[in-house]
C-alpha atoms as a PDB file:
ATOM      1  CA  UNK A   1       7.991  25.980  -7.102  1.00  0.00           C
ATOM      2  CA  UNK A   2       6.556  22.454  -7.698  1.00  0.00           C
ATOM      3  CA  UNK A   3       7.374  20.211  -4.392  1.00  0.00           C
ATOM      4  CA  UNK A   4       9.734  17.472  -5.346  1.00  0.00           C
ATOM      5  CA  UNK A   5       7.286  14.984  -4.608  1.00  0.00           C
ATOM      6  CA  UNK A   6       4.888  15.843  -7.324  1.00  0.00           C
ATOM      7  CA  UNK A   7       7.567  15.629 -10.036  1.00  0.00           C
ATOM      8  CA  UNK A   8       8.523  12.523 -12.238  1.00  0.00           C
ATOM      9  CA  UNK A   9       5.376  10.752 -11.263  1.00  0.00           C
ATOM     10  CA  UNK A  10       4.545   7.352 -12.919  1.00  0.00           C
ATOM     11  CA  UNK A  11       1.426   7.004 -14.584  1.00  0.00           C
ATOM     12  CA  UNK A  12      -0.680   4.527 -12.452  1.00  0.00           C
ATOM     13  CA  UNK A  13      -1.151   3.827  -8.572  1.00  0.00           C
ATOM     14  CA  UNK A  14      -3.407   1.543  -6.573  1.00  0.00           C
ATOM     15  CA  UNK A  15      -6.157   2.227  -4.462  1.00  0.00           C
ATOM     16  CA  UNK A  16      -6.781  -0.633  -1.706  1.00  0.00           C
ATOM     17  CA  UNK A  17     -10.025  -0.780   0.210  1.00  0.00           C
ATOM     18  CA  UNK A  18      -8.181  -3.650   2.290  1.00  0.00           C
ATOM     19  CA  UNK A  19     -11.354  -6.053   1.796  1.00  0.00           C
ATOM     20  CA  UNK A  20     -12.157  -8.591   4.362  1.00  0.00           C
ATOM     21  CA  UNK A  21     -13.371 -11.553   2.343  1.00  0.00           C
ATOM     22  CA  UNK A  22     -16.211 -13.939   3.510  1.00  0.00           C
ATOM     23  CA  UNK A  23     -14.522 -16.549   5.708  1.00  0.00           C
ATOM     24  CA  UNK A  24     -11.505 -14.412   6.479  1.00  0.00           C
ATOM     25  CA  UNK A  25     -10.198 -12.389   9.058  1.00  0.00           C
ATOM     26  CA  UNK A  26      -9.140  -8.643   9.469  1.00  0.00           C
ATOM     27  CA  UNK A  27      -5.396 -10.063  10.061  1.00  0.00           C
ATOM     28  CA  UNK A  28      -5.634 -11.772   7.010  1.00  0.00           C
ATOM     29  CA  UNK A  29      -6.912  -8.587   5.091  1.00  0.00           C
ATOM     30  CA  UNK A  30      -4.062  -6.504   6.644  1.00  0.00           C
ATOM     31  CA  UNK A  31      -1.369  -9.242   5.817  1.00  0.00           C
ATOM     32  CA  UNK A  32      -2.763  -9.342   2.172  1.00  0.00           C
ATOM     33  CA  UNK A  33      -2.511  -5.630   1.901  1.00  0.00           C
ATOM     34  CA  UNK A  34       1.065  -5.365   2.896  1.00  0.00           C
ATOM     35  CA  UNK A  35       1.828  -8.452   0.217  1.00  0.00           C
ATOM     36  CA  UNK A  36      -0.215  -6.338  -2.287  1.00  0.00           C
ATOM     37  CA  UNK A  37       1.571  -3.118  -1.751  1.00  0.00           C
ATOM     38  CA  UNK A  38       4.957  -4.988  -2.279  1.00  0.00           C
ATOM     39  CA  UNK A  39       3.442  -6.516  -5.460  1.00  0.00           C
ATOM     40  CA  UNK A  40       2.423  -3.282  -6.727  1.00  0.00           C
ATOM     41  CA  UNK A  41       5.765  -1.751  -5.999  1.00  0.00           C
ATOM     42  CA  UNK A  42       7.590  -4.483  -7.996  1.00  0.00           C
ATOM     43  CA  UNK A  43       5.263  -3.795 -10.924  1.00  0.00           C
ATOM     44  CA  UNK A  44       5.868   0.104 -11.048  1.00  0.00           C
ATOM     45  CA  UNK A  45       2.848   1.399  -9.226  1.00  0.00           C
ATOM     46  CA  UNK A  46       3.830   4.810  -7.978  1.00  0.00           C
ATOM     47  CA  UNK A  47       1.522   5.022  -5.080  1.00  0.00           C
ATOM     48  CA  UNK A  48      -0.616   2.807  -2.606  1.00  0.00           C
ATOM     49  CA  UNK A  49      -3.561   4.359  -1.016  1.00  0.00           C
ATOM     50  CA  UNK A  50      -5.948   2.829   1.656  1.00  0.00           C
ATOM     51  CA  UNK A  51      -9.204   5.008   2.624  1.00  0.00           C
ATOM     52  CA  UNK A  52     -10.918   5.666   5.555  1.00  0.00           C
ATOM     53  CA  UNK A  53     -14.196   3.763   6.018  1.00  0.00           C
ATOM     54  CA  UNK A  54     -15.963   2.869   9.268  1.00  0.00           C
ATOM     55  CA  UNK A  55     -18.477   0.464  10.425  1.00  0.00           C
ATOM     56  CA  UNK A  56     -18.145  -1.875   7.276  1.00  0.00           C
ATOM     57  CA  UNK A  57     -17.397  -5.537   7.774  1.00  0.00           C
ATOM     58  CA  UNK A  58     -15.675  -5.864   4.593  1.00  0.00           C
ATOM     59  CA  UNK A  59     -13.236  -3.170   4.837  1.00  0.00           C
ATOM     60  CA  UNK A  60     -10.177  -3.186   7.130  1.00  0.00           C
ATOM     61  CA  UNK A  61      -8.804   0.258   6.822  1.00  0.00           C
ATOM     62  CA  UNK A  62     -10.699   2.279   9.234  1.00  0.00           C
ATOM     63  CA  UNK A  63      -7.411   3.019  11.118  1.00  0.00           C
ATOM     64  CA  UNK A  64      -5.982   4.354   8.135  1.00  0.00           C
ATOM     65  CA  UNK A  65      -2.831   5.620   9.721  1.00  0.00           C
ATOM     66  CA  UNK A  66      -2.071   2.338  11.485  1.00  0.00           C
ATOM     67  CA  UNK A  67      -2.534   0.517   8.303  1.00  0.00           C
ATOM     68  CA  UNK A  68      -0.115   2.728   6.400  1.00  0.00           C
ATOM     69  CA  UNK A  69       2.672   2.263   8.965  1.00  0.00           C
ATOM     70  CA  UNK A  70       2.132  -1.423   8.372  1.00  0.00           C
ATOM     71  CA  UNK A  71       2.521  -1.065   4.747  1.00  0.00           C
ATOM     72  CA  UNK A  72       5.253   1.140   4.752  1.00  0.00           C
ATOM     73  CA  UNK A  73       7.142  -1.187   6.687  1.00  0.00           C
ATOM     74  CA  UNK A  74       6.598  -3.910   4.290  1.00  0.00           C
ATOM     75  CA  UNK A  75       7.855  -1.613   1.062  1.00  0.00           C
ATOM     76  CA  UNK A  76      10.722   0.562   0.289  1.00  0.00           C
ATOM     77  CA  UNK A  77       9.974   2.979  -2.341  1.00  0.00           C
ATOM     78  CA  UNK A  78       6.285   3.020  -3.295  1.00  0.00           C
ATOM     79  CA  UNK A  79       4.697   6.082  -1.958  1.00  0.00           C
ATOM     80  CA  UNK A  80       1.906   5.199   0.653  1.00  0.00           C
ATOM     81  CA  UNK A  81      -1.113   7.344   1.568  1.00  0.00           C
ATOM     82  CA  UNK A  82      -4.640   7.886   2.753  1.00  0.00           C
ATOM     83  CA  UNK A  83      -7.137   8.063  -0.161  1.00  0.00           C
ATOM     84  CA  UNK A  84      -8.275   9.476   2.270  1.00  0.00           C
ATOM     85  CA  UNK A  85      -8.694  10.611   5.561  1.00  0.00           C
ATOM     86  CA  UNK A  86     -12.178  12.091   6.250  1.00  0.00           C
ATOM     87  CA  UNK A  87     -11.073  15.308   7.863  1.00  0.00           C
ATOM     88  CA  UNK A  88     -14.466  16.278   9.642  1.00  0.00           C
ATOM     89  CA  UNK A  89     -14.135  12.871  11.761  1.00  0.00           C
ATOM     90  CA  UNK A  90     -10.875  14.223  13.574  1.00  0.00           C
ATOM     91  CA  UNK A  91      -9.301  17.327  14.880  1.00  0.00           C
ATOM     92  CA  UNK A  92      -6.708  18.595  12.573  1.00  0.00           C
ATOM     93  CA  UNK A  93      -4.069  18.161  15.398  1.00  0.00           C
ATOM     94  CA  UNK A  94      -4.426  14.282  15.627  1.00  0.00           C
ATOM     95  CA  UNK A  95      -4.113  14.103  11.846  1.00  0.00           C
ATOM     96  CA  UNK A  96      -0.976  16.223  11.845  1.00  0.00           C
ATOM     97  CA  UNK A  97       0.648  14.067  14.645  1.00  0.00           C
ATOM     98  CA  UNK A  98      -0.491  10.782  12.782  1.00  0.00           C
ATOM     99  CA  UNK A  99       0.869  11.887   9.611  1.00  0.00           C
ATOM    100  CA  UNK A 100       3.995  13.706  11.111  1.00  0.00           C
ATOM    101  CA  UNK A 101       4.644  10.189  12.673  1.00  0.00           C
ATOM    102  CA  UNK A 102       4.253   8.545   9.432  1.00  0.00           C
ATOM    103  CA  UNK A 103       6.646  11.113   7.394  1.00  0.00           C
ATOM    104  CA  UNK A 104       9.154  10.575  10.348  1.00  0.00           C
ATOM    105  CA  UNK A 105       8.946   6.891   9.631  1.00  0.00           C
ATOM    106  CA  UNK A 106       8.959   7.008   5.776  1.00  0.00           C
ATOM    107  CA  UNK A 107      10.252  10.395   4.710  1.00  0.00           C
ATOM    108  CA  UNK A 108       9.421  11.510   1.019  1.00  0.00           C
ATOM    109  CA  UNK A 109       6.938   8.579   0.697  1.00  0.00           C
ATOM    110  CA  UNK A 110       3.656   9.841   2.379  1.00  0.00           C
ATOM    111  CA  UNK A 111       0.586  11.211   0.812  1.00  0.00           C
ATOM    112  CA  UNK A 112      -2.410  12.729   2.936  1.00  0.00           C
ATOM    113  CA  UNK A 113      -5.684  12.826   0.937  1.00  0.00           C
ATOM    114  CA  UNK A 114      -8.225  14.691   2.295  1.00  0.00           C
ATOM    115  CA  UNK A 115     -12.120  14.400   2.040  1.00  0.00           C
ATOM    116  CA  UNK A 116     -15.055  15.632   3.888  1.00  0.00           C
ATOM    117  CA  UNK A 117     -17.670  12.598   3.803  1.00  0.00           C
ATOM    118  CA  UNK A 118     -17.984  10.736   6.847  1.00  0.00           C
ATOM    119  CA  UNK A 119     -16.685   7.323   5.333  1.00  0.00           C
ATOM    120  CA  UNK A 120     -19.999   5.752   6.675  1.00  0.00           C
ATOM    121  CA  UNK A 121     -23.416   6.501   7.546  1.00  0.00           C
ATOM    122  CA  UNK A 122     -24.800   9.372  10.109  1.00  0.00           C
ATOM    123  CA  UNK A 123     -24.855   7.199  13.099  1.00  0.00           C
ATOM    124  CA  UNK A 124     -21.288   5.972  12.712  1.00  0.00           C
ATOM    125  CA  UNK A 125     -20.115   9.502  12.229  1.00  0.00           C
ATOM    126  CA  UNK A 126     -21.869  10.685  15.194  1.00  0.00           C
ATOM    127  CA  UNK A 127     -19.939   7.804  17.106  1.00  0.00           C
ATOM    128  CA  UNK A 128     -16.765   9.236  15.641  1.00  0.00           C
ATOM    129  CA  UNK A 129     -17.325  12.831  16.375  1.00  0.00           C
ATOM    130  CA  UNK A 130     -19.711  12.699  19.282  1.00  0.00           C
ATOM    131  CA  UNK A 131     -21.820  15.551  17.547  1.00  0.00           C
ATOM    132  CA  UNK A 132     -22.835  16.423  14.119  1.00  0.00           C
ATOM    133  CA  UNK A 133     -23.234  19.892  14.819  1.00  0.00           C
ATOM    134  CA  UNK A 134     -20.026  21.141  13.218  1.00  0.00           C
ATOM    135  CA  UNK A 135     -20.161  23.494  10.300  1.00  0.00           C
ATOM    136  CA  UNK A 136     -20.660  21.422   7.050  1.00  0.00           C
ATOM    137  CA  UNK A 137     -18.913  24.166   5.255  1.00  0.00           C
ATOM    138  CA  UNK A 138     -15.781  24.170   7.571  1.00  0.00           C
ATOM    139  CA  UNK A 139     -13.770  21.702   5.510  1.00  0.00           C
ATOM    140  CA  UNK A 140     -11.370  24.419   4.090  1.00  0.00           C
ATOM    141  CA  UNK A 141     -10.629  25.939   7.514  1.00  0.00           C
ATOM    142  CA  UNK A 142      -9.902  22.413   8.745  1.00  0.00           C
ATOM    143  CA  UNK A 143      -7.429  21.967   5.717  1.00  0.00           C
ATOM    144  CA  UNK A 144      -5.838  25.508   6.565  1.00  0.00           C
ATOM    145  CA  UNK A 145      -5.398  24.576  10.098  1.00  0.00           C
ATOM    146  CA  UNK A 146      -3.863  21.292   9.190  1.00  0.00           C
ATOM    147  CA  UNK A 147      -1.366  23.016   6.848  1.00  0.00           C
ATOM    148  CA  UNK A 148      -0.469  25.283   9.655  1.00  0.00           C
ATOM    149  CA  UNK A 149       0.581  22.553  11.839  1.00  0.00           C
ATOM    150  CA  UNK A 150       2.937  21.053   9.350  1.00  0.00           C
ATOM    151  CA  UNK A 151       4.169  24.415   8.417  1.00  0.00           C
ATOM    152  CA  UNK A 152       4.880  25.236  12.155  1.00  0.00           C
ATOM    153  CA  UNK A 153       3.836  28.865  11.357  1.00  0.00           C
ATOM    154  CA  UNK A 154       2.656  29.812  15.027  1.00  0.00           C
ATOM    155  CA  UNK A 155      -0.738  30.710  13.693  1.00  0.00           C
ATOM    156  CA  UNK A 156      -2.439  28.072  15.960  1.00  0.00           C
ATOM    157  CA  UNK A 157      -0.363  28.615  18.939  1.00  0.00           C
ATOM    158  CA  UNK A 158       0.452  24.759  19.046  1.00  0.00           C
ATOM    159  CA  UNK A 159       3.541  22.795  18.078  1.00  0.00           C
ATOM    160  CA  UNK A 160       2.488  19.402  16.663  1.00  0.00           C
ATOM    161  CA  UNK A 161       4.941  16.973  17.786  1.00  0.00           C
ATOM    162  CA  UNK A 162       5.307  14.803  15.480  1.00  0.00           C
ATOM    163  CA  UNK A 163       4.004  17.092  12.706  1.00  0.00           C
ATOM    164  CA  UNK A 164       5.723  20.523  12.898  1.00  0.00           C
ATOM    165  CA  UNK A 165       7.924  20.444   9.756  1.00  0.00           C
ATOM    166  CA  UNK A 166       6.615  17.213   8.413  1.00  0.00           C
ATOM    167  CA  UNK A 167       6.140  17.300   4.635  1.00  0.00           C
ATOM    168  CA  UNK A 168       3.448  14.702   3.731  1.00  0.00           C
ATOM    169  CA  UNK A 169       2.155  15.506   0.191  1.00  0.00           C
ATOM    170  CA  UNK A 170      -1.447  17.044   0.761  1.00  0.00           C
ATOM    171  CA  UNK A 171      -4.184  16.144  -1.793  1.00  0.00           C
ATOM    172  CA  UNK A 172      -7.824  17.024  -1.781  1.00  0.00           C
ATOM    173  CA  UNK A 173     -10.287  14.299  -2.698  1.00  0.00           C
ATOM    174  CA  UNK A 174     -13.676  14.468  -3.843  1.00  0.00           C
ATOM    175  CA  UNK A 175     -16.949  12.987  -5.722  1.00  0.00           C
ATOM    176  CA  UNK A 176     -18.345  16.255  -6.515  1.00  0.00           C
ATOM    177  CA  UNK A 177     -17.578  19.795  -7.428  1.00  0.00           C
ATOM    178  CA  UNK A 178     -16.756  20.825  -3.876  1.00  0.00           C
ATOM    179  CA  UNK A 179     -13.640  18.996  -3.503  1.00  0.00           C
ATOM    180  CA  UNK A 180     -12.589  20.470  -6.954  1.00  0.00           C
ATOM    181  CA  UNK A 181     -13.069  23.920  -5.813  1.00  0.00           C
ATOM    182  CA  UNK A 182     -11.280  23.282  -2.484  1.00  0.00           C
ATOM    183  CA  UNK A 183      -8.346  21.722  -4.369  1.00  0.00           C
ATOM    184  CA  UNK A 184      -8.101  24.689  -6.866  1.00  0.00           C
ATOM    185  CA  UNK A 185      -8.437  27.054  -3.988  1.00  0.00           C
ATOM    186  CA  UNK A 186      -5.417  25.596  -2.001  1.00  0.00           C
ATOM    187  CA  UNK A 187      -3.232  24.837  -5.229  1.00  0.00           C
ATOM    188  CA  UNK A 188      -3.222  21.231  -4.267  1.00  0.00           C
ATOM    189  CA  UNK A 189      -3.350  18.014  -6.545  1.00  0.00           C
ATOM    190  CA  UNK A 190      -7.137  16.688  -7.048  1.00  0.00           C
ATOM    191  CA  UNK A 191      -8.201  13.010  -6.864  1.00  0.00           C
ATOM    192  CA  UNK A 192     -11.584  12.048  -7.998  1.00  0.00           C
ATOM    193  CA  UNK A 193     -13.589   9.126  -6.409  1.00  0.00           C
ATOM    194  CA  UNK A 194     -14.889   7.749 -10.083  1.00  0.00           C
ATOM    195  CA  UNK A 195     -14.681   4.323  -9.192  1.00  0.00           C
ATOM    196  CA  UNK A 196     -18.030   4.607  -7.369  1.00  0.00           C
ATOM    197  CA  UNK A 197     -19.268   8.229  -7.885  1.00  0.00           C
ATOM    198  CA  UNK A 198     -18.517   9.011 -11.473  1.00  0.00           C
ATOM    199  CA  UNK A 199     -21.415  11.231 -12.192  1.00  0.00           C
ATOM    200  CA  UNK A 200     -19.464  14.655 -11.799  1.00  0.00           C
ATOM    201  CA  UNK A 201     -16.246  13.504 -13.029  1.00  0.00           C
ATOM    202  CA  UNK A 202     -15.865  15.593 -16.062  1.00  0.00           C
ATOM    203  CA  UNK A 203     -17.260  18.521 -14.247  1.00  0.00           C
ATOM    204  CA  UNK A 204     -15.458  18.462 -11.386  1.00  0.00           C
ATOM    205  CA  UNK A 205     -11.973  17.993 -13.538  1.00  0.00           C
ATOM    206  CA  UNK A 206     -13.142  21.075 -15.739  1.00  0.00           C
ATOM    207  CA  UNK A 207     -13.816  23.082 -12.593  1.00  0.00           C
ATOM    208  CA  UNK A 208     -10.507  22.179 -10.848  1.00  0.00           C
ATOM    209  CA  UNK A 209      -8.460  23.430 -13.930  1.00  0.00           C
ATOM    210  CA  UNK A 210     -10.377  26.298 -14.468  1.00  0.00           C
ATOM    211  CA  UNK A 211     -10.380  27.863 -10.883  1.00  0.00           C
ATOM    212  CA  UNK A 212      -6.771  26.399  -9.947  1.00  0.00           C
ATOM    213  CA  UNK A 213      -4.599  28.849  -8.349  1.00  0.00           C
ATOM    214  CA  UNK A 214      -0.912  28.169  -7.814  1.00  0.00           C
ATOM    215  CA  UNK A 215      -0.080  26.828  -4.474  1.00  0.00           C
ATOM    216  CA  UNK A 216       1.913  23.715  -3.356  1.00  0.00           C
ATOM    217  CA  UNK A 217       1.594  23.316  -7.127  1.00  0.00           C
ATOM    218  CA  UNK A 218       2.273  25.650 -10.062  1.00  0.00           C
ATOM    219  CA  UNK A 219      -0.468  24.043 -12.011  1.00  0.00           C
ATOM    220  CA  UNK A 220      -3.188  21.494 -11.734  1.00  0.00           C
ATOM    221  CA  UNK A 221      -2.413  17.760 -11.128  1.00  0.00           C
ATOM    222  CA  UNK A 222      -5.484  15.510 -11.489  1.00  0.00           C
ATOM    223  CA  UNK A 223      -6.181  11.679 -10.566  1.00  0.00           C
ATOM    224  CA  UNK A 224      -9.236   9.777 -11.193  1.00  0.00           C
ATOM    225  CA  UNK A 225      -9.891   6.315  -9.978  1.00  0.00           C
ATOM    226  CA  UNK A 226     -10.780   3.268 -12.369  1.00  0.00           C
ATOM    227  CA  UNK A 227     -11.778  -0.037 -11.537  1.00  0.00           C
ATOM    228  CA  UNK A 228      -9.836  -3.048 -13.029  1.00  0.00           C
ATOM    229  CA  UNK A 229     -10.496  -6.848 -13.415  1.00  0.00           C
ATOM    230  CA  UNK A 230      -7.995  -8.379 -15.151  1.00  0.00           C
ATOM    231  CA  UNK A 231      -7.296 -12.017 -16.180  1.00  0.00           C
ATOM    232  CA  UNK A 232      -6.249 -14.421 -19.061  1.00  0.00           C
ATOM    233  CA  UNK A 233      -9.742 -14.508 -20.459  1.00  0.00           C
ATOM    234  CA  UNK A 234     -12.892 -12.186 -20.384  1.00  0.00           C
ATOM    235  CA  UNK A 235     -14.673 -14.860 -18.958  1.00  0.00           C
ATOM    236  CA  UNK A 236     -12.580 -15.226 -15.878  1.00  0.00           C
ATOM    237  CA  UNK A 237     -12.294 -11.498 -15.572  1.00  0.00           C
ATOM    238  CA  UNK A 238     -16.080 -11.067 -15.495  1.00  0.00           C
ATOM    239  CA  UNK A 239     -16.237 -13.964 -12.901  1.00  0.00           C
ATOM    240  CA  UNK A 240     -13.489 -12.002 -10.510  1.00  0.00           C
ATOM    241  CA  UNK A 241     -15.419  -8.924 -10.919  1.00  0.00           C
ATOM    242  CA  UNK A 242     -18.624 -10.494  -9.540  1.00  0.00           C
ATOM    243  CA  UNK A 243     -17.143 -10.450  -5.938  1.00  0.00           C
ATOM    244  CA  UNK A 244     -17.316  -6.496  -5.906  1.00  0.00           C
ATOM    245  CA  UNK A 245     -20.476  -6.464  -7.937  1.00  0.00           C
ATOM    246  CA  UNK A 246     -22.234  -8.308  -5.451  1.00  0.00           C
ATOM    247  CA  UNK A 247     -20.850  -5.977  -2.531  1.00  0.00           C
ATOM    248  CA  UNK A 248     -21.813  -3.195  -4.208  1.00  0.00           C
ATOM    249  CA  UNK A 249     -25.481  -4.295  -4.791  1.00  0.00           C
ATOM    250  CA  UNK A 250     -25.445  -5.288  -0.935  1.00  0.00           C
ATOM    251  CA  UNK A 251     -24.265  -1.955   0.044  1.00  0.00           C
ATOM    252  CA  UNK A 252     -26.667  -0.046  -2.190  1.00  0.00           C
ATOM    253  CA  UNK A 253     -29.660  -2.037  -0.978  1.00  0.00           C
ATOM    254  CA  UNK A 254     -28.853  -1.512   2.680  1.00  0.00           C
ATOM    255  CA  UNK A 255     -27.119  -5.089   3.313  1.00  0.00           C
ATOM    256  CA  UNK A 256     -23.433  -4.745   3.273  1.00  0.00           C
ATOM    257  CA  UNK A 257     -21.463  -7.708   3.597  1.00  0.00           C
ATOM    258  CA  UNK A 258     -17.815  -8.810   3.607  1.00  0.00           C
ATOM    259  CA  UNK A 259     -16.464  -9.473   0.222  1.00  0.00           C
ATOM    260  CA  UNK A 260     -18.245 -12.630  -1.251  1.00  0.00           C
ATOM    261  CA  UNK A 261     -16.615 -15.273  -3.521  1.00  0.00           C
ATOM    262  CA  UNK A 262     -17.361 -14.887  -7.356  1.00  0.00           C
ATOM    263  CA  UNK A 263     -20.450 -16.274  -8.769  1.00  0.00           C
ATOM    264  CA  UNK A 264     -20.754 -17.432 -12.319  1.00  0.00           C
ATOM    265  CA  UNK A 265     -23.379 -15.345 -14.360  1.00  0.00           C
ATOM    266  CA  UNK A 266     -23.830 -12.992 -11.358  1.00  0.00           C
ATOM    267  CA  UNK A 267     -24.619  -9.795 -13.668  1.00  0.00           C
ATOM    268  CA  UNK A 268     -27.046 -11.690 -16.056  1.00  0.00           C
ATOM    269  CA  UNK A 269     -28.816 -13.069 -12.769  1.00  0.00           C
ATOM    270  CA  UNK A 270     -29.692  -9.580 -11.422  1.00  0.00           C
ATOM    271  CA  UNK A 271     -33.128  -7.882 -11.677  1.00  0.00           C
ATOM    272  CA  UNK A 272     -33.213  -4.816 -13.970  1.00  0.00           C
ATOM    273  CA  UNK A 273     -33.098  -2.373 -10.909  1.00  0.00           C
ATOM    274  CA  UNK A 274     -29.823  -3.960  -9.630  1.00  0.00           C
ATOM    275  CA  UNK A 275     -28.279  -4.399 -13.019  1.00  0.00           C
ATOM    276  CA  UNK A 276     -28.715  -0.659 -13.278  1.00  0.00           C
ATOM    277  CA  UNK A 277     -27.112   0.218  -9.935  1.00  0.00           C
ATOM    278  CA  UNK A 278     -24.128  -1.928 -11.388  1.00  0.00           C
ATOM    279  CA  UNK A 279     -24.024  -0.225 -14.728  1.00  0.00           C
ATOM    280  CA  UNK A 280     -24.521   3.294 -13.531  1.00  0.00           C
ATOM    281  CA  UNK A 281     -22.137   3.204 -10.243  1.00  0.00           C
ATOM    282  CA  UNK A 282     -19.208   1.125 -11.745  1.00  0.00           C
ATOM    283  CA  UNK A 283     -19.160   2.370 -15.215  1.00  0.00           C
ATOM    284  CA  UNK A 284     -15.711   3.755 -14.970  1.00  0.00           C
ATOM    285  CA  UNK A 285     -14.368   0.202 -15.348  1.00  0.00           C
ATOM    286  CA  UNK A 286     -12.433  -2.361 -17.472  1.00  0.00           C
ATOM    287  CA  UNK A 287     -13.035  -6.034 -17.292  1.00  0.00           C
ATOM    288  CA  UNK A 288     -11.238  -8.613 -19.353  1.00  0.00           C
ATOM    289  CA  UNK A 289      -7.909  -9.384 -21.028  1.00  0.00           C
ATOM    290  CA  UNK A 290      -4.808  -7.022 -21.078  1.00  0.00           C
ATOM    291  CA  UNK A 291      -5.882  -5.694 -24.312  1.00  0.00           C
ATOM    292  CA  UNK A 292      -9.404  -4.939 -22.734  1.00  0.00           C
ATOM    293  CA  UNK A 293      -7.839  -3.149 -19.875  1.00  0.00           C
ATOM    294  CA  UNK A 294      -5.341  -1.165 -22.119  1.00  0.00           C
ATOM    295  CA  UNK A 295      -8.466  -0.446 -24.386  1.00  0.00           C
ATOM    296  CA  UNK A 296     -10.465   0.953 -21.412  1.00  0.00           C
ATOM    297  CA  UNK A 297      -7.570   2.942 -19.687  1.00  0.00           C
ATOM    298  CA  UNK A 298      -6.492   4.688 -23.198  1.00  0.00           C
ATOM    299  CA  UNK A 299     -10.123   5.580 -23.637  1.00  0.00           C
ATOM    300  CA  UNK A 300     -10.455   7.042 -19.945  1.00  0.00           C
ATOM    301  CA  UNK A 301      -7.230   8.864 -20.019  1.00  0.00           C
ATOM    302  CA  UNK A 302      -8.199  10.337 -23.267  1.00  0.00           C
ATOM    303  CA  UNK A 303     -11.686  11.292 -22.045  1.00  0.00           C
ATOM    304  CA  UNK A 304     -10.631  13.001 -18.640  1.00  0.00           C
ATOM    305  CA  UNK A 305      -7.109  14.128 -19.625  1.00  0.00           C
ATOM    306  CA  UNK A 306      -5.604  12.903 -15.959  1.00  0.00           C
ATOM    307  CA  UNK A 307      -2.167  12.955 -14.923  1.00  0.00           C
ATOM    308  CA  UNK A 308      -2.292   9.684 -13.324  1.00  0.00           C
ATOM    309  CA  UNK A 309      -4.737   6.825 -13.131  1.00  0.00           C
ATOM    310  CA  UNK A 310      -5.546   5.468  -9.682  1.00  0.00           C
ATOM    311  CA  UNK A 311      -6.543   1.802 -10.227  1.00  0.00           C
ATOM    312  CA  UNK A 312      -8.712  -0.327  -7.861  1.00  0.00           C
ATOM    313  CA  UNK A 313     -10.666  -3.506  -7.834  1.00  0.00           C
ATOM    314  CA  UNK A 314     -11.500  -5.937  -4.928  1.00  0.00           C
ATOM    315  CA  UNK A 315     -10.952  -9.377  -6.032  1.00  0.00           C
ATOM    316  CA  UNK A 316     -11.979 -12.300  -3.743  1.00  0.00           C
ATOM    317  CA  UNK A 317      -8.622 -14.559  -4.247  1.00  0.00           C
ATOM    318  CA  UNK A 318      -5.737 -12.746  -3.423  1.00  0.00           C
ATOM    319  CA  UNK A 319      -3.529 -14.443  -6.121  1.00  0.00           C
ATOM    320  CA  UNK A 320      -5.987 -13.640  -8.689  1.00  0.00           C
ATOM    321  CA  UNK A 321      -5.853 -10.046  -7.557  1.00  0.00           C
ATOM    322  CA  UNK A 322      -2.189  -9.790  -7.696  1.00  0.00           C
ATOM    323  CA  UNK A 323      -2.282 -11.319 -11.357  1.00  0.00           C
ATOM    324  CA  UNK A 324      -5.016  -8.523 -12.066  1.00  0.00           C
ATOM    325  CA  UNK A 325      -2.748  -5.833 -10.646  1.00  0.00           C
ATOM    326  CA  UNK A 326       0.440  -7.307 -12.964  1.00  0.00           C
ATOM    327  CA  UNK A 327      -1.927  -7.546 -15.849  1.00  0.00           C
ATOM    328  CA  UNK A 328      -3.008  -3.621 -15.306  1.00  0.00           C
ATOM    329  CA  UNK A 329       0.471  -2.802 -15.112  1.00  0.00           C
ATOM    330  CA  UNK A 330       1.342  -4.260 -18.266  1.00  0.00           C
ATOM    331  CA  UNK A 331      -1.638  -2.771 -19.896  1.00  0.00           C
ATOM    332  CA  UNK A 332      -0.594   0.851 -18.616  1.00  0.00           C
ATOM    333  CA  UNK A 333       2.957   0.056 -20.057  1.00  0.00           C
ATOM    334  CA  UNK A 334       1.600  -0.603 -23.450  1.00  0.00           C
ATOM    335  CA  UNK A 335      -0.136   2.847 -23.874  1.00  0.00           C
ATOM    336  CA  UNK A 336       2.261   5.117 -25.711  1.00  0.00           C
ATOM    337  CA  UNK A 337       1.615   8.298 -24.151  1.00  0.00           C
ATOM    338  CA  UNK A 338      -0.836   8.677 -21.257  1.00  0.00           C
ATOM    339  CA  UNK A 339      -0.923  11.843 -19.222  1.00  0.00           C
ATOM    340  CA  UNK A 340       2.356  13.291 -18.640  1.00  0.00           C
ATOM    341  CA  UNK A 341       3.499  13.570 -14.966  1.00  0.00           C
ATOM    342  CA  UNK A 342       3.450  17.023 -13.122  1.00  0.00           C
END
């Protein structure tokens, strides 16, 4: 039987990178995250996800479970979750305890998305893991071990407390075919990181659906991420988008930074090589008015057949970001029949 927390899903959710803006602080970024989650809840977003990143001055969600406890306390209905936890960075028992705690605090609201990337570079990964000599193909075994702790089935010989008997909704995340295969193997929902790694999106979704075996779910449930920058005018939306564009170019050219203020005409000012980075990496995006966002989302949903759109987009001004989220919700509501819930 399909678990109840996969049923009656709404059509859109929010991925928040918890950006630290230039001139801002981590404390302010975390306060904004809670406010953003409340705002998303009020506008019908089904879930709020934060992602594990490390060693990045512009992202404040490294201690993901702690961030989710903060957000959960600030909200009442919206699902909260990790999109995701990079499982090779952690002992599965630790994650069972962390998300068992979250499940005890916010029962029926917690998602645990699992990925195998480091969430940073190899130097930071080694600082987290102390060794990089673990089996690179060990991710499925770690997922199985984590499931065993939650199931409290005795296979590990250890009782996770908290954790045993907890029921966070497990997801597999990916930006390649590997995550799709793991999700299909375990019969879990699958979320693809198309907001920054769109190359394998269509192939990964096809692999996931073709190889899916019933497990936690009886049929596949696929989510894909999509960047949204919405405003009253297209010109304003393009200006808002320039902050994330600057941050992406800085990251891809080896100069990561905090989220910078918007720059008029930024895209047009770029050399061809940098413009190509943006065009390629951020092509799963919509920038503009409510009508532009609705058109972009409708095309994305029709192309992919996803069951749920995971909307994201880092905007320098918090009030402008809240307006963008509200416009995106209105755009989603205007679509007649996007993908149906699992």
